[in-house]
mmCIF file of all heavy atoms, coordinates in Angstrom:
data_MODEL
# 
_entry.id   MODEL 
# 
loop_
_atom_site.group_PDB 
_atom_site.id 
_atom_site.type_symbol 
_atom_site.label_atom_id 
_atom_site.label_alt_id 
_atom_site.label_comp_id 
_atom_site.label_asym_id 
_atom_site.label_entity_id 
_atom_site.label_seq_id 
_atom_site.pdbx_PDB_ins_code 
_atom_site.Cartn_x 
_atom_site.Cartn_y 
_atom_site.Cartn_z 
_atom_site.occupancy 
_atom_site.B_iso_or_equiv 
_atom_site.pdbx_formal_charge 
_atom_site.auth_seq_id 
_atom_site.auth_comp_id 
_atom_site.auth_asym_id 
_atom_site.auth_atom_id 
_atom_site.pdbx_PDB_model_num 
ATOM 1   N N   . GLY A 1 1  ? 13.017 66.162 39.735 1.00 0.00 ? 1  GLY A N   1 
ATOM 2   C CA  . GLY A 1 1  ? 14.490 65.839 39.811 1.00 0.00 ? 1  GLY A CA  1 
ATOM 3   C C   . GLY A 1 1  ? 14.987 65.657 41.156 1.00 0.00 ? 1  GLY A C   1 
ATOM 4   O O   . GLY A 1 1  ? 16.246 65.630 41.391 1.00 0.00 ? 1  GLY A O   1 
ATOM 5   N N   . VAL A 1 2  ? 14.057 65.495 42.098 1.00 0.00 ? 2  VAL A N   1 
ATOM 6   C CA  . VAL A 1 2  ? 14.632 65.229 43.469 1.00 0.00 ? 2  VAL A CA  1 
ATOM 7   C C   . VAL A 1 2  ? 15.177 63.795 43.542 1.00 0.00 ? 2  VAL A C   1 
ATOM 8   O O   . VAL A 1 2  ? 16.300 63.645 44.310 1.00 0.00 ? 2  VAL A O   1 
ATOM 9   C CB  . VAL A 1 2  ? 13.374 65.198 44.479 1.00 0.00 ? 2  VAL A CB  1 
ATOM 10  C CG1 . VAL A 1 2  ? 13.715 64.783 45.807 1.00 0.00 ? 2  VAL A CG1 1 
ATOM 11  C CG2 . VAL A 1 2  ? 12.794 66.538 44.583 1.00 0.00 ? 2  VAL A CG2 1 
ATOM 12  N N   . VAL A 1 3  ? 14.807 62.853 42.769 1.00 0.00 ? 3  VAL A N   1 
ATOM 13  C CA  . VAL A 1 3  ? 15.426 61.552 42.651 1.00 0.00 ? 3  VAL A CA  1 
ATOM 14  C C   . VAL A 1 3  ? 15.528 61.237 41.091 1.00 0.00 ? 3  VAL A C   1 
ATOM 15  O O   . VAL A 1 3  ? 14.783 61.763 40.253 1.00 0.00 ? 3  VAL A O   1 
ATOM 16  C CB  . VAL A 1 3  ? 14.671 60.436 43.357 1.00 0.00 ? 3  VAL A CB  1 
ATOM 17  C CG1 . VAL A 1 3  ? 14.606 60.579 44.793 1.00 0.00 ? 3  VAL A CG1 1 
ATOM 18  C CG2 . VAL A 1 3  ? 13.307 60.290 42.779 1.00 0.00 ? 3  VAL A CG2 1 
ATOM 19  N N   . ASP A 1 4  ? 16.500 60.384 40.757 1.00 0.00 ? 4  ASP A N   1 
ATOM 20  C CA  . ASP A 1 4  ? 16.670 60.069 39.385 1.00 0.00 ? 4  ASP A CA  1 
ATOM 21  C C   . ASP A 1 4  ? 16.771 58.551 39.211 1.00 0.00 ? 4  ASP A C   1 
ATOM 22  O O   . ASP A 1 4  ? 17.207 58.004 38.184 1.00 0.00 ? 4  ASP A O   1 
ATOM 23  C CB  . ASP A 1 4  ? 17.846 60.824 38.749 1.00 0.00 ? 4  ASP A CB  1 
ATOM 24  C CG  . ASP A 1 4  ? 19.165 60.720 39.531 1.00 0.00 ? 4  ASP A CG  1 
ATOM 25  O OD1 . ASP A 1 4  ? 19.299 59.700 40.276 1.00 0.00 ? 4  ASP A OD1 1 
ATOM 26  O OD2 . ASP A 1 4  ? 19.996 61.618 39.346 1.00 0.00 ? 4  ASP A OD2 1 
ATOM 27  N N   . ALA A 1 5  ? 16.545 57.818 40.321 1.00 0.00 ? 5  ALA A N   1 
ATOM 28  C CA  . ALA A 1 5  ? 16.628 56.314 40.278 1.00 0.00 ? 5  ALA A CA  1 
ATOM 29  C C   . ALA A 1 5  ? 15.761 55.720 41.428 1.00 0.00 ? 5  ALA A C   1 
ATOM 30  O O   . ALA A 1 5  ? 15.628 56.428 42.458 1.00 0.00 ? 5  ALA A O   1 
ATOM 31  C CB  . ALA A 1 5  ? 18.148 55.868 40.356 1.00 0.00 ? 5  ALA A CB  1 
ATOM 32  N N   . THR A 1 6  ? 15.356 54.603 41.205 1.00 0.00 ? 6  THR A N   1 
ATOM 33  C CA  . THR A 1 6  ? 14.561 53.937 42.345 1.00 0.00 ? 6  THR A CA  1 
ATOM 34  C C   . THR A 1 6  ? 14.605 52.445 42.227 1.00 0.00 ? 6  THR A C   1 
ATOM 35  O O   . THR A 1 6  ? 14.707 51.927 41.052 1.00 0.00 ? 6  THR A O   1 
ATOM 36  C CB  . THR A 1 6  ? 13.087 54.430 42.259 1.00 0.00 ? 6  THR A CB  1 
ATOM 37  O OG1 . THR A 1 6  ? 12.304 53.935 43.401 1.00 0.00 ? 6  THR A OG1 1 
ATOM 38  C CG2 . THR A 1 6  ? 12.386 53.958 40.986 1.00 0.00 ? 6  THR A CG2 1 
ATOM 39  N N   . GLY A 1 7  ? 14.372 51.711 43.220 1.00 0.00 ? 7  GLY A N   1 
ATOM 40  C CA  . GLY A 1 7  ? 14.079 50.399 43.196 1.00 0.00 ? 7  GLY A CA  1 
ATOM 41  C C   . GLY A 1 7  ? 12.584 50.312 43.015 1.00 0.00 ? 7  GLY A C   1 
ATOM 42  O O   . GLY A 1 7  ? 11.797 51.126 43.497 1.00 0.00 ? 7  GLY A O   1 
ATOM 43  N N   . TRP A 1 8  ? 12.137 49.269 42.127 1.00 0.00 ? 8  TRP A N   1 
ATOM 44  C CA  . TRP A 1 8  ? 10.709 48.962 42.055 1.00 0.00 ? 8  TRP A CA  1 
ATOM 45  C C   . TRP A 1 8  ? 10.600 47.507 41.521 1.00 0.00 ? 8  TRP A C   1 
ATOM 46  O O   . TRP A 1 8  ? 11.476 47.071 40.928 1.00 0.00 ? 8  TRP A O   1 
ATOM 47  C CB  . TRP A 1 8  ? 9.940  49.954 41.209 1.00 0.00 ? 8  TRP A CB  1 
ATOM 48  C CG  . TRP A 1 8  ? 8.512  49.778 41.226 1.00 0.00 ? 8  TRP A CG  1 
ATOM 49  C CD1 . TRP A 1 8  ? 7.705  49.253 40.224 1.00 0.00 ? 8  TRP A CD1 1 
ATOM 50  C CD2 . TRP A 1 8  ? 7.644  49.993 42.309 1.00 0.00 ? 8  TRP A CD2 1 
ATOM 51  N NE1 . TRP A 1 8  ? 6.379  49.224 40.723 1.00 0.00 ? 8  TRP A NE1 1 
ATOM 52  C CE2 . TRP A 1 8  ? 6.331  49.699 42.009 1.00 0.00 ? 8  TRP A CE2 1 
ATOM 53  C CE3 . TRP A 1 8  ? 7.770  50.506 43.719 1.00 0.00 ? 8  TRP A CE3 1 
ATOM 54  C CZ2 . TRP A 1 8  ? 5.265  49.681 42.770 1.00 0.00 ? 8  TRP A CZ2 1 
ATOM 55  C CZ3 . TRP A 1 8  ? 6.713  50.593 44.524 1.00 0.00 ? 8  TRP A CZ3 1 
ATOM 56  C CH2 . TRP A 1 8  ? 5.409  50.265 44.059 1.00 0.00 ? 8  TRP A CH2 1 
ATOM 57  N N   . THR A 1 9  ? 9.488  46.934 41.692 1.00 0.00 ? 9  THR A N   1 
ATOM 58  C CA  . THR A 1 9  ? 9.187  45.657 41.233 1.00 0.00 ? 9  THR A CA  1 
ATOM 59  C C   . THR A 1 9  ? 9.201  45.643 39.702 1.00 0.00 ? 9  THR A C   1 
ATOM 60  O O   . THR A 1 9  ? 9.110  46.632 38.999 1.00 0.00 ? 9  THR A O   1 
ATOM 61  C CB  . THR A 1 9  ? 7.849  45.085 41.770 1.00 0.00 ? 9  THR A CB  1 
ATOM 62  O OG1 . THR A 1 9  ? 6.701  45.882 41.277 1.00 0.00 ? 9  THR A OG1 1 
ATOM 63  C CG2 . THR A 1 9  ? 7.798  45.126 43.233 1.00 0.00 ? 9  THR A CG2 1 
ATOM 64  N N   . GLN A 1 10 ? 9.220  44.395 39.099 1.00 0.00 ? 10 GLN A N   1 
ATOM 65  C CA  . GLN A 1 10 ? 9.215  44.226 37.675 1.00 0.00 ? 10 GLN A CA  1 
ATOM 66  C C   . GLN A 1 10 ? 7.819  44.707 37.089 1.00 0.00 ? 10 GLN A C   1 
ATOM 67  O O   . GLN A 1 10 ? 7.836  45.032 35.822 1.00 0.00 ? 10 GLN A O   1 
ATOM 68  C CB  . GLN A 1 10 ? 9.409  42.757 37.315 1.00 0.00 ? 10 GLN A CB  1 
ATOM 69  C CG  . GLN A 1 10 ? 10.737 42.158 37.729 1.00 0.00 ? 10 GLN A CG  1 
ATOM 70  C CD  . GLN A 1 10 ? 10.691 40.726 37.542 1.00 0.00 ? 10 GLN A CD  1 
ATOM 71  O OE1 . GLN A 1 10 ? 9.862  39.933 37.947 1.00 0.00 ? 10 GLN A OE1 1 
ATOM 72  N NE2 . GLN A 1 10 ? 11.759 40.174 36.856 1.00 0.00 ? 10 GLN A NE2 1 
ATOM 73  N N   . ILE A 1 11 ? 6.923  44.900 37.886 1.00 0.00 ? 11 ILE A N   1 
ATOM 74  C CA  . ILE A 1 11 ? 5.499  45.160 37.384 1.00 0.00 ? 11 ILE A CA  1 
ATOM 75  C C   . ILE A 1 11 ? 5.084  46.440 38.077 1.00 0.00 ? 11 ILE A C   1 
ATOM 76  O O   . ILE A 1 11 ? 5.411  46.813 39.274 1.00 0.00 ? 11 ILE A O   1 
ATOM 77  C CB  . ILE A 1 11 ? 4.477  44.108 37.791 1.00 0.00 ? 11 ILE A CB  1 
ATOM 78  C CG1 . ILE A 1 11 ? 4.916  42.840 37.121 1.00 0.00 ? 11 ILE A CG1 1 
ATOM 79  C CG2 . ILE A 1 11 ? 3.061  44.443 37.413 1.00 0.00 ? 11 ILE A CG2 1 
ATOM 80  C CD1 . ILE A 1 11 ? 4.195  41.577 37.624 1.00 0.00 ? 11 ILE A CD1 1 
ATOM 81  N N   . GLY A 1 12 ? 4.332  47.314 37.333 1.00 0.00 ? 12 GLY A N   1 
ATOM 82  C CA  . GLY A 1 12 ? 3.702  48.459 37.880 1.00 0.00 ? 12 GLY A CA  1 
ATOM 83  C C   . GLY A 1 12 ? 4.325  49.773 37.529 1.00 0.00 ? 12 GLY A C   1 
ATOM 84  O O   . GLY A 1 12 ? 3.698  50.835 37.800 1.00 0.00 ? 12 GLY A O   1 
ATOM 85  N N   . LEU A 1 13 ? 5.495  49.776 36.880 1.00 0.00 ? 13 LEU A N   1 
ATOM 86  C CA  . LEU A 1 13 ? 6.051  51.108 36.510 1.00 0.00 ? 13 LEU A CA  1 
ATOM 87  C C   . LEU A 1 13 ? 5.133  51.893 35.632 1.00 0.00 ? 13 LEU A C   1 
ATOM 88  O O   . LEU A 1 13 ? 5.030  53.079 35.801 1.00 0.00 ? 13 LEU A O   1 
ATOM 89  C CB  . LEU A 1 13 ? 7.429  50.854 35.911 1.00 0.00 ? 13 LEU A CB  1 
ATOM 90  C CG  . LEU A 1 13 ? 8.541  51.870 36.016 1.00 0.00 ? 13 LEU A CG  1 
ATOM 91  C CD1 . LEU A 1 13 ? 9.024  51.859 37.349 1.00 0.00 ? 13 LEU A CD1 1 
ATOM 92  C CD2 . LEU A 1 13 ? 9.567  51.812 34.929 1.00 0.00 ? 13 LEU A CD2 1 
ATOM 93  N N   . ILE A 1 14 ? 4.554  51.214 34.683 1.00 0.00 ? 14 ILE A N   1 
ATOM 94  C CA  . ILE A 1 14 ? 3.564  52.026 33.805 1.00 0.00 ? 14 ILE A CA  1 
ATOM 95  C C   . ILE A 1 14 ? 2.326  52.417 34.507 1.00 0.00 ? 14 ILE A C   1 
ATOM 96  O O   . ILE A 1 14 ? 1.888  53.570 34.231 1.00 0.00 ? 14 ILE A O   1 
ATOM 97  C CB  . ILE A 1 14 ? 3.209  51.043 32.684 1.00 0.00 ? 14 ILE A CB  1 
ATOM 98  C CG1 . ILE A 1 14 ? 4.473  50.639 31.735 1.00 0.00 ? 14 ILE A CG1 1 
ATOM 99  C CG2 . ILE A 1 14 ? 2.128  51.639 31.703 1.00 0.00 ? 14 ILE A CG2 1 
ATOM 100 C CD1 . ILE A 1 14 ? 4.200  49.530 30.712 1.00 0.00 ? 14 ILE A CD1 1 
ATOM 101 N N   . ASP A 1 15 ? 1.819  51.571 35.396 1.00 0.00 ? 15 ASP A N   1 
ATOM 102 C CA  . ASP A 1 15 ? 0.617  52.029 36.229 1.00 0.00 ? 15 ASP A CA  1 
ATOM 103 C C   . ASP A 1 15 ? 0.940  53.241 36.949 1.00 0.00 ? 15 ASP A C   1 
ATOM 104 O O   . ASP A 1 15 ? 0.071  54.200 37.025 1.00 0.00 ? 15 ASP A O   1 
ATOM 105 C CB  . ASP A 1 15 ? 0.251  50.900 37.177 1.00 0.00 ? 15 ASP A CB  1 
ATOM 106 C CG  . ASP A 1 15 ? -0.138 49.545 36.579 1.00 0.00 ? 15 ASP A CG  1 
ATOM 107 O OD1 . ASP A 1 15 ? -0.434 49.603 35.339 1.00 0.00 ? 15 ASP A OD1 1 
ATOM 108 O OD2 . ASP A 1 15 ? 0.072  48.588 37.180 1.00 0.00 ? 15 ASP A OD2 1 
ATOM 109 N N   . LEU A 1 16 ? 2.191  53.415 37.430 1.00 0.00 ? 16 LEU A N   1 
ATOM 110 C CA  . LEU A 1 16 ? 2.596  54.647 38.275 1.00 0.00 ? 16 LEU A CA  1 
ATOM 111 C C   . LEU A 1 16 ? 2.974  55.754 37.327 1.00 0.00 ? 16 LEU A C   1 
ATOM 112 O O   . LEU A 1 16 ? 3.208  56.831 37.883 1.00 0.00 ? 16 LEU A O   1 
ATOM 113 C CB  . LEU A 1 16 ? 3.623  54.197 39.179 1.00 0.00 ? 16 LEU A CB  1 
ATOM 114 C CG  . LEU A 1 16 ? 3.236  53.237 40.285 1.00 0.00 ? 16 LEU A CG  1 
ATOM 115 C CD1 . LEU A 1 16 ? 4.430  52.597 40.949 1.00 0.00 ? 16 LEU A CD1 1 
ATOM 116 C CD2 . LEU A 1 16 ? 2.372  53.874 41.325 1.00 0.00 ? 16 LEU A CD2 1 
ATOM 117 N N   . LYS A 1 17 ? 3.137  55.459 36.161 1.00 0.00 ? 17 LYS A N   1 
ATOM 118 C CA  . LYS A 1 17 ? 3.644  56.461 35.062 1.00 0.00 ? 17 LYS A CA  1 
ATOM 119 C C   . LYS A 1 17 ? 5.139  56.940 35.340 1.00 0.00 ? 17 LYS A C   1 
ATOM 120 O O   . LYS A 1 17 ? 5.503  57.946 34.889 1.00 0.00 ? 17 LYS A O   1 
ATOM 121 C CB  . LYS A 1 17 ? 2.731  57.655 35.064 1.00 0.00 ? 17 LYS A CB  1 
ATOM 122 C CG  . LYS A 1 17 ? 1.266  57.338 34.620 1.00 0.00 ? 17 LYS A CG  1 
ATOM 123 C CD  . LYS A 1 17 ? 0.384  58.498 34.535 1.00 0.00 ? 17 LYS A CD  1 
ATOM 124 C CE  . LYS A 1 17 ? -1.004 58.213 34.049 1.00 0.00 ? 17 LYS A CE  1 
ATOM 125 N NZ  . LYS A 1 17 ? -1.947 59.286 33.975 1.00 0.00 ? 17 LYS A NZ  1 
ATOM 126 N N   . TRP A 1 18 ? 5.884  56.142 36.088 1.00 0.00 ? 18 TRP A N   1 
ATOM 127 C CA  . TRP A 1 18 ? 7.200  56.446 36.353 1.00 0.00 ? 18 TRP A CA  1 
ATOM 128 C C   . TRP A 1 18 ? 8.096  56.333 35.126 1.00 0.00 ? 18 TRP A C   1 
ATOM 129 O O   . TRP A 1 18 ? 9.214  56.958 34.952 1.00 0.00 ? 18 TRP A O   1 
ATOM 130 C CB  . TRP A 1 18 ? 7.867  55.639 37.485 1.00 0.00 ? 18 TRP A CB  1 
ATOM 131 C CG  . TRP A 1 18 ? 7.209  55.900 38.822 1.00 0.00 ? 18 TRP A CG  1 
ATOM 132 C CD1 . TRP A 1 18 ? 6.227  56.723 39.134 1.00 0.00 ? 18 TRP A CD1 1 
ATOM 133 C CD2 . TRP A 1 18 ? 7.456  55.063 40.031 1.00 0.00 ? 18 TRP A CD2 1 
ATOM 134 N NE1 . TRP A 1 18 ? 5.857  56.632 40.400 1.00 0.00 ? 18 TRP A NE1 1 
ATOM 135 C CE2 . TRP A 1 18 ? 6.661  55.652 41.005 1.00 0.00 ? 18 TRP A CE2 1 
ATOM 136 C CE3 . TRP A 1 18 ? 8.303  54.002 40.357 1.00 0.00 ? 18 TRP A CE3 1 
ATOM 137 C CZ2 . TRP A 1 18 ? 6.568  55.078 42.353 1.00 0.00 ? 18 TRP A CZ2 1 
ATOM 138 C CZ3 . TRP A 1 18 ? 8.340  53.549 41.572 1.00 0.00 ? 18 TRP A CZ3 1 
ATOM 139 C CH2 . TRP A 1 18 ? 7.440  54.109 42.635 1.00 0.00 ? 18 TRP A CH2 1 
ATOM 140 N N   . ASN A 1 19 ? 7.557  55.538 34.118 1.00 0.00 ? 19 ASN A N   1 
ATOM 141 C CA  . ASN A 1 19 ? 8.327  55.347 32.911 1.00 0.00 ? 19 ASN A CA  1 
ATOM 142 C C   . ASN A 1 19 ? 8.337  56.562 32.084 1.00 0.00 ? 19 ASN A C   1 
ATOM 143 O O   . ASN A 1 19 ? 9.189  56.687 31.046 1.00 0.00 ? 19 ASN A O   1 
ATOM 144 C CB  . ASN A 1 19 ? 7.666  54.253 32.116 1.00 0.00 ? 19 ASN A CB  1 
ATOM 145 C CG  . ASN A 1 19 ? 6.196  54.515 31.703 1.00 0.00 ? 19 ASN A CG  1 
ATOM 146 O OD1 . ASN A 1 19 ? 5.396  54.827 32.707 1.00 0.00 ? 19 ASN A OD1 1 
ATOM 147 N ND2 . ASN A 1 19 ? 5.844  54.480 30.483 1.00 0.00 ? 19 ASN A ND2 1 
ATOM 148 N N   . GLU A 1 20 ? 7.629  57.656 32.456 1.00 0.00 ? 20 GLU A N   1 
ATOM 149 C CA  . GLU A 1 20 ? 7.830  58.999 31.769 1.00 0.00 ? 20 GLU A CA  1 
ATOM 150 C C   . GLU A 1 20 ? 9.216  59.569 32.002 1.00 0.00 ? 20 GLU A C   1 
ATOM 151 O O   . GLU A 1 20 ? 9.655  60.468 31.336 1.00 0.00 ? 20 GLU A O   1 
ATOM 152 C CB  . GLU A 1 20 ? 6.686  59.927 32.278 1.00 0.00 ? 20 GLU A CB  1 
ATOM 153 C CG  . GLU A 1 20 ? 5.336  59.434 31.839 1.00 0.00 ? 20 GLU A CG  1 
ATOM 154 C CD  . GLU A 1 20 ? 4.266  60.393 32.443 1.00 0.00 ? 20 GLU A CD  1 
ATOM 155 O OE1 . GLU A 1 20 ? 4.600  61.430 32.941 1.00 0.00 ? 20 GLU A OE1 1 
ATOM 156 O OE2 . GLU A 1 20 ? 3.054  60.038 32.385 1.00 0.00 ? 20 GLU A OE2 1 
ATOM 157 N N   . PHE A 1 21 ? 9.855  59.067 33.100 1.00 0.00 ? 21 PHE A N   1 
ATOM 158 C CA  . PHE A 1 21 ? 11.132 59.740 33.524 1.00 0.00 ? 21 PHE A CA  1 
ATOM 159 C C   . PHE A 1 21 ? 12.227 58.652 33.524 1.00 0.00 ? 21 PHE A C   1 
ATOM 160 O O   . PHE A 1 21 ? 13.447 59.034 33.469 1.00 0.00 ? 21 PHE A O   1 
ATOM 161 C CB  . PHE A 1 21 ? 11.018 60.273 34.972 1.00 0.00 ? 21 PHE A CB  1 
ATOM 162 C CG  . PHE A 1 21 ? 9.839  61.135 35.066 1.00 0.00 ? 21 PHE A CG  1 
ATOM 163 C CD1 . PHE A 1 21 ? 8.591  60.816 35.705 1.00 0.00 ? 21 PHE A CD1 1 
ATOM 164 C CD2 . PHE A 1 21 ? 9.887  62.536 34.592 1.00 0.00 ? 21 PHE A CD2 1 
ATOM 165 C CE1 . PHE A 1 21 ? 7.562  61.529 35.843 1.00 0.00 ? 21 PHE A CE1 1 
ATOM 166 C CE2 . PHE A 1 21 ? 8.695  63.362 34.690 1.00 0.00 ? 21 PHE A CE2 1 
ATOM 167 C CZ  . PHE A 1 21 ? 7.652  62.879 35.316 1.00 0.00 ? 21 PHE A CZ  1 
ATOM 168 N N   . LEU A 1 22 ? 11.953 57.388 33.688 1.00 0.00 ? 22 LEU A N   1 
ATOM 169 C CA  . LEU A 1 22 ? 13.012 56.350 33.829 1.00 0.00 ? 22 LEU A CA  1 
ATOM 170 C C   . LEU A 1 22 ? 13.208 55.716 32.534 1.00 0.00 ? 22 LEU A C   1 
ATOM 171 O O   . LEU A 1 22 ? 12.265 55.169 31.901 1.00 0.00 ? 22 LEU A O   1 
ATOM 172 C CB  . LEU A 1 22 ? 12.500 55.387 34.988 1.00 0.00 ? 22 LEU A CB  1 
ATOM 173 C CG  . LEU A 1 22 ? 12.398 56.038 36.358 1.00 0.00 ? 22 LEU A CG  1 
ATOM 174 C CD1 . LEU A 1 22 ? 11.717 54.996 37.312 1.00 0.00 ? 22 LEU A CD1 1 
ATOM 175 C CD2 . LEU A 1 22 ? 13.684 56.570 36.894 1.00 0.00 ? 22 LEU A CD2 1 
ATOM 176 N N   . ASN A 1 23 ? 14.489 55.502 32.193 1.00 0.00 ? 23 ASN A N   1 
ATOM 177 C CA  . ASN A 1 23 ? 14.834 55.014 30.757 1.00 0.00 ? 23 ASN A CA  1 
ATOM 178 C C   . ASN A 1 23 ? 15.684 53.794 30.814 1.00 0.00 ? 23 ASN A C   1 
ATOM 179 O O   . ASN A 1 23 ? 15.847 53.197 29.749 1.00 0.00 ? 23 ASN A O   1 
ATOM 180 C CB  . ASN A 1 23 ? 15.574 56.119 30.146 1.00 0.00 ? 23 ASN A CB  1 
ATOM 181 C CG  . ASN A 1 23 ? 14.888 57.442 29.981 1.00 0.00 ? 23 ASN A CG  1 
ATOM 182 O OD1 . ASN A 1 23 ? 13.704 57.493 29.519 1.00 0.00 ? 23 ASN A OD1 1 
ATOM 183 N ND2 . ASN A 1 23 ? 15.472 58.517 30.515 1.00 0.00 ? 23 ASN A ND2 1 
ATOM 184 N N   . TYR A 1 24 ? 16.129 53.346 31.996 1.00 0.00 ? 24 TYR A N   1 
ATOM 185 C CA  . TYR A 1 24 ? 16.957 52.166 32.049 1.00 0.00 ? 24 TYR A CA  1 
ATOM 186 C C   . TYR A 1 24 ? 16.525 51.209 33.150 1.00 0.00 ? 24 TYR A C   1 
ATOM 187 O O   . TYR A 1 24 ? 16.211 51.573 34.254 1.00 0.00 ? 24 TYR A O   1 
ATOM 188 C CB  . TYR A 1 24 ? 18.438 52.551 32.368 1.00 0.00 ? 24 TYR A CB  1 
ATOM 189 C CG  . TYR A 1 24 ? 19.024 53.366 31.183 1.00 0.00 ? 24 TYR A CG  1 
ATOM 190 C CD1 . TYR A 1 24 ? 18.915 54.667 31.123 1.00 0.00 ? 24 TYR A CD1 1 
ATOM 191 C CD2 . TYR A 1 24 ? 19.782 52.699 30.222 1.00 0.00 ? 24 TYR A CD2 1 
ATOM 192 C CE1 . TYR A 1 24 ? 19.470 55.401 30.065 1.00 0.00 ? 24 TYR A CE1 1 
ATOM 193 C CE2 . TYR A 1 24 ? 20.391 53.314 29.084 1.00 0.00 ? 24 TYR A CE2 1 
ATOM 194 C CZ  . TYR A 1 24 ? 20.220 54.715 29.055 1.00 0.00 ? 24 TYR A CZ  1 
ATOM 195 O OH  . TYR A 1 24 ? 20.745 55.448 27.984 1.00 0.00 ? 24 TYR A OH  1 
# 
């Protein structure tokens, strides 16, 4: 919970597993 939003490219969120926390 240190961050709750980030910029990132259209690709790679799943590779990094950030989609476990990011919903929008």
